Amino acid sequence: MDKNALYKKYNSIMEKITNEPPLADENGKITRLGERWIAISARYWPSAFLEVIKGIGPVAHTFLYNFVKVCGEAIASRYIEMGVPKEKVVEYVLSGGWYFGWCLGYVAKQDFENKIIETVILENFEADYGKGCHFMRGVHAGVWKRVVEDEVYCEEVECKGRGGKVCRFVVKPSSKVI
């Protein structure tokens, strides 16, 4: 079966269960911001990851944090290479978080002299499914590491998933972490 026939077949099947337009093109690819993407339901991510954590334990949180930290660095690098001023990079990342449905938040404090940033996340997919936002911590750490060009650590000081009103993150140089 050729691609066009598959597209028509699958489009017909999906039209039976939803009236929403497809995210993917006729080749089965989602392209946003000049890159290929995949979509995954929040039912599976991070909820499926939480099941994995039960099996491997807290080390999974560290894995997730470090994995996404690398992603955050890459995201920040892309914006910097596009000419976005470093003072605006975190705001651009948060805009992307809103655009792709990850979060809705803002920069509460950005201190370049001390290399500290604080963000407030009003809506966060991760807090809806767990108690602690290791994914978001990792993204914050990776982005800020690239912006200030220093090793950093991100702490979540308030979490909606643990009863807070918002998720609040503070990122600072690793040398200042107690």
N, C-alpha and C. Protein backbone atom coordinates (compact mmCIF):
# COMPACT_ATOMS: atom_id res chain seq x y z
N MET A 1 0.85 -1.18 0.00
CA MET A 1 0.00 0.00 0.00
C MET A 1 0.90 1.24 0.00
N ASP A 2 0.59 2.21 -0.83
CA ASP A 2 1.41 3.42 -0.89
C ASP A 2 1.00 4.43 0.19
N LYS A 3 1.84 5.45 0.36
CA LYS A 3 1.61 6.45 1.41
C LYS A 3 0.27 7.16 1.26
N ASN A 4 -0.09 7.50 0.05
CA ASN A 4 -1.34 8.23 -0.17
C ASN A 4 -2.53 7.38 0.24
N ALA A 5 -2.49 6.09 -0.08
CA ALA A 5 -3.58 5.20 0.29
C ALA A 5 -3.65 5.04 1.81
N LEU A 6 -2.49 4.93 2.45
CA LEU A 6 -2.47 4.83 3.91
C LEU A 6 -3.02 6.09 4.55
N TYR A 7 -2.61 7.25 4.01
CA TYR A 7 -3.11 8.52 4.53
C TYR A 7 -4.63 8.56 4.48
N LYS A 8 -5.18 8.21 3.35
CA LYS A 8 -6.64 8.23 3.19
C LYS A 8 -7.31 7.23 4.14
N LYS A 9 -6.74 6.05 4.25
CA LYS A 9 -7.31 5.02 5.13
C LYS A 9 -7.30 5.49 6.58
N TYR A 10 -6.15 5.94 7.04
CA TYR A 10 -6.02 6.35 8.45
C TYR A 10 -6.83 7.61 8.74
N ASN A 11 -6.86 8.53 7.78
CA ASN A 11 -7.65 9.74 7.96
C ASN A 11 -9.13 9.37 8.10
N SER A 12 -9.59 8.42 7.31
CA SER A 12 -10.97 7.95 7.38
C SER A 12 -11.28 7.32 8.74
N ILE A 13 -10.34 6.53 9.24
CA ILE A 13 -10.54 5.91 10.56
C ILE A 13 -10.61 6.98 11.64
N MET A 14 -9.69 7.92 11.62
CA MET A 14 -9.65 8.96 12.65
C MET A 14 -10.88 9.86 12.58
N GLU A 15 -11.40 10.10 11.39
CA GLU A 15 -12.62 10.92 11.26
C GLU A 15 -13.81 10.27 11.94
N LYS A 16 -13.77 8.95 12.14
CA LYS A 16 -14.85 8.24 12.83
C LYS A 16 -14.82 8.48 14.33
N ILE A 17 -13.64 8.86 14.86
CA ILE A 17 -13.55 9.03 16.31
C ILE A 17 -13.30 10.47 16.75
N THR A 18 -12.95 11.36 15.81
CA THR A 18 -12.74 12.76 16.18
C THR A 18 -12.97 13.67 14.97
N ASN A 19 -13.45 14.87 15.24
CA ASN A 19 -13.59 15.85 14.16
C ASN A 19 -12.42 16.83 14.15
N GLU A 20 -11.41 16.57 14.96
CA GLU A 20 -10.23 17.43 15.01
C GLU A 20 -9.36 17.19 13.78
N PRO A 21 -8.74 18.22 13.27
CA PRO A 21 -7.85 18.02 12.11
C PRO A 21 -6.59 17.25 12.52
N PRO A 22 -6.00 16.51 11.60
CA PRO A 22 -4.78 15.77 11.94
C PRO A 22 -3.62 16.71 12.25
N LEU A 23 -2.77 16.29 13.15
CA LEU A 23 -1.54 17.03 13.42
C LEU A 23 -0.49 16.73 12.36
N ALA A 24 -0.46 15.48 11.91
CA ALA A 24 0.55 15.03 10.96
C ALA A 24 0.12 15.32 9.53
N ASP A 25 1.12 15.45 8.67
CA ASP A 25 0.84 15.62 7.25
C ASP A 25 0.57 14.25 6.61
N GLU A 26 0.42 14.24 5.32
CA GLU A 26 0.10 12.99 4.63
C GLU A 26 1.20 11.94 4.72
N ASN A 27 2.40 12.34 5.14
CA ASN A 27 3.51 11.40 5.32
C ASN A 27 3.64 10.93 6.77
N GLY A 28 2.70 11.37 7.62
CA GLY A 28 2.75 10.95 9.01
C GLY A 28 3.76 11.73 9.84
N LYS A 29 4.11 12.92 9.40
CA LYS A 29 5.10 13.73 10.11
C LYS A 29 4.47 15.02 10.63
N ILE A 30 4.85 15.39 11.84
CA ILE A 30 4.44 16.65 12.44
C ILE A 30 5.67 17.56 12.40
N THR A 31 5.52 18.72 11.79
CA THR A 31 6.63 19.67 11.73
C THR A 31 6.18 20.98 12.37
N ARG A 32 6.94 21.41 13.34
CA ARG A 32 6.71 22.69 14.01
C ARG A 32 8.07 23.35 14.23
N LEU A 33 8.11 24.66 14.03
CA LEU A 33 9.34 25.43 14.23
C LEU A 33 10.52 24.84 13.46
N GLY A 34 10.24 24.27 12.29
CA GLY A 34 11.29 23.75 11.44
C GLY A 34 11.88 22.42 11.87
N GLU A 35 11.25 21.75 12.83
CA GLU A 35 11.75 20.46 13.31
C GLU A 35 10.64 19.44 13.30
N ARG A 36 11.03 18.18 13.30
CA ARG A 36 10.05 17.10 13.38
C ARG A 36 9.69 16.87 14.84
N TRP A 37 8.40 16.67 15.10
CA TRP A 37 7.88 16.46 16.44
C TRP A 37 7.08 15.17 16.47
N ILE A 38 6.80 14.72 17.65
CA ILE A 38 5.84 13.65 17.85
C ILE A 38 4.87 14.11 18.93
N ALA A 39 3.67 13.62 18.90
CA ALA A 39 2.69 13.99 19.92
C ALA A 39 2.45 12.77 20.80
N ILE A 40 2.31 13.02 22.09
CA ILE A 40 2.00 11.95 23.03
C ILE A 40 1.01 12.49 24.06
N SER A 41 0.03 11.71 24.35
CA SER A 41 -0.99 12.13 25.30
C SER A 41 -0.41 12.26 26.70
N ALA A 42 -0.88 13.26 27.42
CA ALA A 42 -0.47 13.42 28.82
C ALA A 42 -0.96 12.23 29.66
N ARG A 43 -1.86 11.45 29.13
CA ARG A 43 -2.29 10.23 29.81
C ARG A 43 -1.10 9.26 29.93
N TYR A 44 -0.22 9.30 28.93
CA TYR A 44 0.91 8.37 28.91
C TYR A 44 2.20 9.00 29.41
N TRP A 45 2.34 10.29 29.19
CA TRP A 45 3.56 10.98 29.63
C TRP A 45 3.14 12.13 30.52
N PRO A 46 3.49 12.24 31.75
CA PRO A 46 4.46 11.43 32.45
C PRO A 46 3.86 10.27 33.26
N SER A 47 2.56 10.04 33.14
CA SER A 47 1.96 9.01 33.99
C SER A 47 2.61 7.65 33.79
N ALA A 48 2.96 7.30 32.56
CA ALA A 48 3.64 6.02 32.33
C ALA A 48 5.01 6.04 32.99
N PHE A 49 5.66 7.21 32.95
CA PHE A 49 6.97 7.33 33.59
C PHE A 49 6.86 7.11 35.10
N LEU A 50 5.77 7.56 35.69
CA LEU A 50 5.57 7.35 37.12
C LEU A 50 5.49 5.86 37.45
N GLU A 51 4.93 5.08 36.56
CA GLU A 51 4.90 3.62 36.75
C GLU A 51 6.31 3.05 36.70
N VAL A 52 7.12 3.57 35.80
CA VAL A 52 8.51 3.12 35.69
C VAL A 52 9.26 3.45 36.99
N ILE A 53 9.00 4.63 37.53
CA ILE A 53 9.65 5.05 38.77
C ILE A 53 9.38 4.05 39.89
N LYS A 54 8.16 3.55 39.95
CA LYS A 54 7.83 2.57 40.98
C LYS A 54 8.73 1.36 40.88
N GLY A 55 9.11 1.00 39.66
CA GLY A 55 9.97 -0.16 39.45
C GLY A 55 11.43 0.10 39.73
N ILE A 56 11.94 1.26 39.32
CA ILE A 56 13.36 1.52 39.52
C ILE A 56 13.66 2.43 40.70
N GLY A 57 12.67 3.10 41.19
CA GLY A 57 12.88 3.92 42.37
C GLY A 57 13.30 5.34 42.05
N PRO A 58 13.73 6.07 43.06
CA PRO A 58 14.04 7.50 42.93
C PRO A 58 15.13 7.82 41.92
N VAL A 59 15.97 6.86 41.57
CA VAL A 59 17.01 7.13 40.57
C VAL A 59 16.38 7.57 39.25
N ALA A 60 15.15 7.17 39.01
CA ALA A 60 14.45 7.57 37.79
C ALA A 60 14.25 9.09 37.75
N HIS A 61 14.03 9.71 38.89
CA HIS A 61 13.89 11.17 38.93
C HIS A 61 15.18 11.84 38.47
N THR A 62 16.31 11.32 38.93
CA THR A 62 17.61 11.87 38.55
C THR A 62 17.84 11.67 37.05
N PHE A 63 17.48 10.49 36.56
CA PHE A 63 17.61 10.23 35.12
C PHE A 63 16.79 11.24 34.32
N LEU A 64 15.53 11.42 34.69
CA LEU A 64 14.66 12.34 33.96
C LEU A 64 15.22 13.76 34.01
N TYR A 65 15.62 14.22 35.18
CA TYR A 65 16.19 15.56 35.35
C TYR A 65 17.39 15.74 34.41
N ASN A 66 18.33 14.80 34.44
CA ASN A 66 19.55 14.93 33.63
C ASN A 66 19.27 14.80 32.14
N PHE A 67 18.37 13.92 31.77
CA PHE A 67 18.01 13.75 30.36
C PHE A 67 17.42 15.04 29.81
N VAL A 68 16.48 15.61 30.52
CA VAL A 68 15.81 16.81 30.03
C VAL A 68 16.70 18.05 30.17
N LYS A 69 17.65 18.01 31.08
CA LYS A 69 18.61 19.11 31.19
C LYS A 69 19.37 19.28 29.87
N VAL A 70 19.75 18.16 29.28
CA VAL A 70 20.42 18.20 27.98
C VAL A 70 19.49 18.79 26.92
N CYS A 71 18.22 18.42 26.97
CA CYS A 71 17.25 18.99 26.02
C CYS A 71 17.12 20.49 26.22
N GLY A 72 17.06 20.94 27.47
CA GLY A 72 16.97 22.37 27.76
C GLY A 72 18.15 23.14 27.21
N GLU A 73 19.35 22.57 27.33
CA GLU A 73 20.54 23.21 26.77
C GLU A 73 20.40 23.37 25.26
N ALA A 74 19.90 22.33 24.60
CA ALA A 74 19.75 22.37 23.14
C ALA A 74 18.70 23.40 22.73
N ILE A 75 17.62 23.48 23.47
CA ILE A 75 16.57 24.46 23.17
C ILE A 75 17.13 25.87 23.30
N ALA A 76 17.82 26.15 24.41
CA ALA A 76 18.40 27.47 24.62
C ALA A 76 19.43 27.79 23.54
N SER A 77 20.25 26.83 23.20
CA SER A 77 21.26 27.04 22.15
C SER A 77 20.60 27.43 20.84
N ARG A 78 19.50 26.78 20.52
CA ARG A 78 18.81 27.09 19.26
C ARG A 78 18.32 28.54 19.26
N TYR A 79 17.73 28.97 20.36
CA TYR A 79 17.26 30.36 20.42
C TYR A 79 18.42 31.34 20.35
N ILE A 80 19.50 31.05 21.04
CA ILE A 80 20.68 31.94 21.03
C ILE A 80 21.24 32.02 19.61
N GLU A 81 21.33 30.87 18.93
CA GLU A 81 21.82 30.85 17.55
C GLU A 81 20.89 31.62 16.61
N MET A 82 19.61 31.70 16.94
CA MET A 82 18.65 32.47 16.14
C MET A 82 18.79 33.97 16.40
N GLY A 83 19.59 34.36 17.39
CA GLY A 83 19.79 35.77 17.69
C GLY A 83 18.95 36.30 18.83
N VAL A 84 18.26 35.41 19.55
CA VAL A 84 17.48 35.85 20.71
C VAL A 84 18.46 36.29 21.80
N PRO A 85 18.32 37.49 22.34
CA PRO A 85 19.21 37.93 23.42
C PRO A 85 19.08 37.01 24.63
N LYS A 86 20.18 36.77 25.31
CA LYS A 86 20.17 35.86 26.46
C LYS A 86 19.15 36.28 27.52
N GLU A 87 18.90 37.58 27.64
CA GLU A 87 17.93 38.07 28.63
C GLU A 87 16.51 37.61 28.30
N LYS A 88 16.26 37.21 27.06
CA LYS A 88 14.92 36.82 26.62
C LYS A 88 14.77 35.31 26.40
N VAL A 89 15.85 34.55 26.49
CA VAL A 89 15.81 33.12 26.16
C VAL A 89 14.80 32.36 27.03
N VAL A 90 14.81 32.59 28.33
CA VAL A 90 13.88 31.86 29.21
C VAL A 90 12.44 32.19 28.85
N GLU A 91 12.18 33.44 28.55
CA GLU A 91 10.83 33.84 28.14
C GLU A 91 10.42 33.12 26.84
N TYR A 92 11.35 32.97 25.91
CA TYR A 92 11.08 32.23 24.68
C TYR A 92 10.79 30.76 24.97
N VAL A 93 11.56 30.19 25.88
CA VAL A 93 11.33 28.78 26.25
C VAL A 93 9.96 28.62 26.88
N LEU A 94 9.59 29.53 27.76
CA LEU A 94 8.26 29.47 28.37
C LEU A 94 7.16 29.66 27.33
N SER A 95 7.41 30.50 26.33
CA SER A 95 6.44 30.66 25.25
C SER A 95 6.26 29.35 24.50
N GLY A 96 7.38 28.66 24.24
CA GLY A 96 7.30 27.34 23.61
C GLY A 96 6.58 26.34 24.48
N GLY A 97 6.79 26.43 25.79
CA GLY A 97 6.07 25.57 26.72
C GLY A 97 4.57 25.75 26.62
N TRP A 98 4.14 26.99 26.48
CA TRP A 98 2.71 27.27 26.29
C TRP A 98 2.25 26.75 24.93
N TYR A 99 3.01 27.04 23.88
CA TYR A 99 2.65 26.68 22.51
C TYR A 99 2.43 25.18 22.35
N PHE A 100 3.28 24.39 23.01
CA PHE A 100 3.20 22.94 22.87
C PHE A 100 2.43 22.27 24.01
N GLY A 101 1.86 23.05 24.92
CA GLY A 101 1.01 22.48 25.95
C GLY A 101 1.72 21.89 27.16
N TRP A 102 2.98 22.27 27.37
CA TRP A 102 3.73 21.74 28.51
C TRP A 102 3.44 22.54 29.77
N CYS A 103 3.35 23.87 29.62
CA CYS A 103 3.18 24.69 30.82
C CYS A 103 2.74 26.10 30.44
N LEU A 104 2.34 26.83 31.46
CA LEU A 104 2.04 28.26 31.32
C LEU A 104 2.69 28.94 32.51
N GLY A 105 3.68 29.77 32.25
CA GLY A 105 4.39 30.39 33.36
C GLY A 105 5.11 31.66 32.95
N TYR A 106 5.83 32.22 33.91
CA TYR A 106 6.53 33.47 33.66
C TYR A 106 7.80 33.55 34.51
N VAL A 107 8.69 34.45 34.11
CA VAL A 107 9.92 34.71 34.85
C VAL A 107 9.59 35.67 35.99
N ALA A 108 9.84 35.23 37.23
CA ALA A 108 9.59 36.09 38.39
C ALA A 108 10.82 36.90 38.76
N LYS A 109 12.00 36.34 38.51
CA LYS A 109 13.26 37.01 38.85
C LYS A 109 14.34 36.47 37.93
N GLN A 110 15.14 37.38 37.39
CA GLN A 110 16.25 36.98 36.53
C GLN A 110 17.44 37.85 36.92
N ASP A 111 18.41 37.26 37.58
CA ASP A 111 19.56 37.97 38.13
C ASP A 111 20.82 37.43 37.46
N PHE A 112 21.30 38.17 36.45
CA PHE A 112 22.48 37.71 35.71
C PHE A 112 23.76 37.85 36.53
N GLU A 113 23.82 38.83 37.39
CA GLU A 113 25.03 39.02 38.20
C GLU A 113 25.29 37.82 39.09
N ASN A 114 24.25 37.30 39.73
CA ASN A 114 24.40 36.14 40.61
C ASN A 114 24.02 34.82 39.93
N LYS A 115 23.63 34.91 38.67
CA LYS A 115 23.28 33.74 37.85
C LYS A 115 22.12 32.95 38.46
N ILE A 116 21.09 33.68 38.90
CA ILE A 116 19.93 33.05 39.53
C ILE A 116 18.68 33.44 38.74
N ILE A 117 17.81 32.48 38.53
CA ILE A 117 16.52 32.76 37.92
C ILE A 117 15.44 32.05 38.72
N GLU A 118 14.29 32.68 38.80
CA GLU A 118 13.11 32.08 39.45
C GLU A 118 11.96 32.19 38.47
N THR A 119 11.26 31.09 38.28
CA THR A 119 10.07 31.11 37.43
C THR A 119 8.88 30.61 38.23
N VAL A 120 7.71 31.05 37.80
CA VAL A 120 6.45 30.60 38.38
C VAL A 120 5.67 29.93 37.25
N ILE A 121 5.30 28.69 37.47
CA ILE A 121 4.53 27.95 36.47
C ILE A 121 3.12 27.78 37.01
N LEU A 122 2.18 28.42 36.35
CA LEU A 122 0.78 28.41 36.79
C LEU A 122 0.09 27.10 36.43
N GLU A 123 0.38 26.60 35.24
CA GLU A 123 -0.15 25.33 34.77
C GLU A 123 1.02 24.49 34.30
N ASN A 124 1.05 23.24 34.74
CA ASN A 124 2.20 22.38 34.46
C ASN A 124 1.68 20.95 34.32
N PHE A 125 1.83 20.38 33.13
CA PHE A 125 1.31 19.03 32.90
C PHE A 125 1.86 18.04 33.91
N GLU A 126 3.09 18.22 34.30
CA GLU A 126 3.75 17.26 35.18
C GLU A 126 3.15 17.27 36.58
N ALA A 127 2.81 18.44 37.08
CA ALA A 127 2.22 18.54 38.43
C ALA A 127 0.84 17.91 38.47
N ASP A 128 0.18 17.84 37.31
CA ASP A 128 -1.14 17.23 37.26
C ASP A 128 -1.10 15.72 37.48
N TYR A 129 0.09 15.11 37.31
CA TYR A 129 0.20 13.66 37.35
C TYR A 129 1.12 13.12 38.44
N GLY A 130 1.79 13.99 39.16
CA GLY A 130 2.73 13.48 40.15
C GLY A 130 2.98 14.45 41.28
N LYS A 131 3.94 14.10 42.06
CA LYS A 131 4.32 14.92 43.21
C LYS A 131 5.79 15.31 43.06
N GLY A 132 6.01 16.32 42.29
CA GLY A 132 7.36 16.78 42.01
C GLY A 132 7.58 16.84 40.51
N CYS A 133 8.19 17.91 40.06
CA CYS A 133 8.29 18.18 38.63
C CYS A 133 9.73 18.07 38.16
N HIS A 134 10.22 16.85 38.04
CA HIS A 134 11.61 16.60 37.68
C HIS A 134 11.89 16.95 36.22
N PHE A 135 10.91 16.75 35.36
CA PHE A 135 11.04 17.14 33.96
C PHE A 135 11.26 18.65 33.87
N MET A 136 10.37 19.41 34.49
CA MET A 136 10.47 20.87 34.44
C MET A 136 11.76 21.37 35.10
N ARG A 137 12.16 20.72 36.18
CA ARG A 137 13.43 21.12 36.82
C ARG A 137 14.58 20.95 35.84
N GLY A 138 14.59 19.84 35.13
CA GLY A 138 15.66 19.58 34.17
C GLY A 138 15.69 20.59 33.03
N VAL A 139 14.52 20.90 32.49
CA VAL A 139 14.46 21.90 31.41
C VAL A 139 15.01 23.23 31.91
N HIS A 140 14.53 23.65 33.08
CA HIS A 140 15.00 24.92 33.65
C HIS A 140 16.53 24.92 33.82
N ALA A 141 17.06 23.84 34.36
CA ALA A 141 18.51 23.76 34.59
C ALA A 141 19.28 23.82 33.28
N GLY A 142 18.82 23.09 32.28
CA GLY A 142 19.53 23.08 31.00
C GLY A 142 19.50 24.43 30.30
N VAL A 143 18.35 25.06 30.30
CA VAL A 143 18.22 26.36 29.66
C VAL A 143 19.12 27.38 30.36
N TRP A 144 19.01 27.44 31.68
CA TRP A 144 19.78 28.45 32.43
C TRP A 144 21.27 28.18 32.35
N LYS A 145 21.68 26.91 32.35
CA LYS A 145 23.10 26.56 32.20
C LYS A 145 23.65 27.17 30.91
N ARG A 146 22.88 27.03 29.84
CA ARG A 146 23.33 27.55 28.55
C ARG A 146 23.32 29.08 28.54
N VAL A 147 22.34 29.69 29.19
CA VAL A 147 22.24 31.15 29.21
C VAL A 147 23.40 31.77 30.00
N VAL A 148 23.68 31.23 31.19
CA VAL A 148 24.72 31.84 32.04
C VAL A 148 26.08 31.18 31.88
N GLU A 149 26.13 30.11 31.09
CA GLU A 149 27.39 29.40 30.81
C GLU A 149 28.10 29.00 32.10
N ASP A 150 27.34 28.32 32.97
CA ASP A 150 27.88 27.84 34.25
C ASP A 150 27.07 26.61 34.66
N GLU A 151 27.67 25.76 35.46
CA GLU A 151 26.93 24.60 35.99
C GLU A 151 25.90 25.11 36.99
N VAL A 152 24.68 24.63 36.84
CA VAL A 152 23.58 25.10 37.69
C VAL A 152 22.79 23.91 38.22
N TYR A 153 21.95 24.22 39.19
CA TYR A 153 21.03 23.23 39.75
C TYR A 153 19.67 23.89 39.92
N CYS A 154 18.62 23.16 39.59
CA CYS A 154 17.28 23.70 39.73
C CYS A 154 16.56 23.00 40.87
N GLU A 155 15.95 23.81 41.72
CA GLU A 155 15.15 23.30 42.83
C GLU A 155 13.70 23.76 42.63
N GLU A 156 12.79 22.85 42.86
CA GLU A 156 11.38 23.21 42.85
C GLU A 156 11.01 23.55 44.29
N VAL A 157 10.75 24.82 44.56
CA VAL A 157 10.49 25.25 45.93
C VAL A 157 9.01 25.25 46.29
N GLU A 158 8.15 25.11 45.29
CA GLU A 158 6.72 24.97 45.50
C GLU A 158 6.17 24.15 44.35
N CYS A 159 5.23 23.25 44.64
CA CYS A 159 4.70 22.37 43.60
C CYS A 159 3.19 22.19 43.75
N LYS A 160 2.48 22.41 42.67
CA LYS A 160 1.03 22.18 42.68
C LYS A 160 0.71 20.72 42.98
N GLY A 161 1.56 19.82 42.52
CA GLY A 161 1.35 18.40 42.75
C GLY A 161 1.52 17.99 44.20
N ARG A 162 2.12 18.87 45.00
CA ARG A 162 2.29 18.62 46.44
C ARG A 162 1.49 19.61 47.27
N GLY A 163 0.45 20.18 46.66
CA GLY A 163 -0.45 21.06 47.40
C GLY A 163 -0.19 22.54 47.27
N GLY A 164 0.82 22.94 46.52
CA GLY A 164 1.09 24.37 46.34
C GLY A 164 0.10 25.01 45.38
N LYS A 165 0.10 26.33 45.36
CA LYS A 165 -0.79 27.05 44.45
C LYS A 165 -0.22 27.10 43.04
N VAL A 166 1.11 27.05 42.92
CA VAL A 166 1.82 27.08 41.65
C VAL A 166 3.03 26.16 41.76
N CYS A 167 3.74 26.01 40.66
CA CYS A 167 5.06 25.38 40.71
C CYS A 167 6.07 26.51 40.58
N ARG A 168 6.99 26.58 41.52
CA ARG A 168 7.99 27.65 41.55
C ARG A 168 9.37 27.01 41.50
N PHE A 169 10.18 27.47 40.55
CA PHE A 169 11.52 26.92 40.36
C PHE A 169 12.57 27.99 40.57
N VAL A 170 13.67 27.61 41.23
CA VAL A 170 14.81 28.49 41.41
C VAL A 170 16.03 27.76 40.86
N VAL A 171 16.73 28.42 39.95
CA VAL A 171 17.94 27.86 39.37
C VAL A 171 19.10 28.77 39.75
N LYS A 172 20.16 28.15 40.24
CA LYS A 172 21.33 28.91 40.63
C LYS A 172 22.59 28.09 40.38
N PRO A 173 23.75 28.73 40.37
CA PRO A 173 24.98 27.99 40.15
C PRO A 173 25.13 26.84 41.15
N SER A 174 25.62 25.72 40.67
CA SER A 174 25.82 24.56 41.54
C SER A 174 26.69 24.90 42.74
N SER A 175 27.62 25.84 42.57
CA SER A 175 28.51 26.23 43.68
C SER A 175 27.76 26.91 44.80
N LYS A 176 26.54 27.39 44.55
CA LYS A 176 25.74 28.08 45.57
C LYS A 176 24.67 27.19 46.18
N VAL A 177 24.65 25.92 45.78
CA VAL A 177 23.67 24.98 46.33
C VAL A 177 24.19 24.42 47.64
N ILE A 178 23.37 24.47 48.66
CA ILE A 178 23.79 23.99 49.98
C ILE A 178 23.47 22.52 50.10
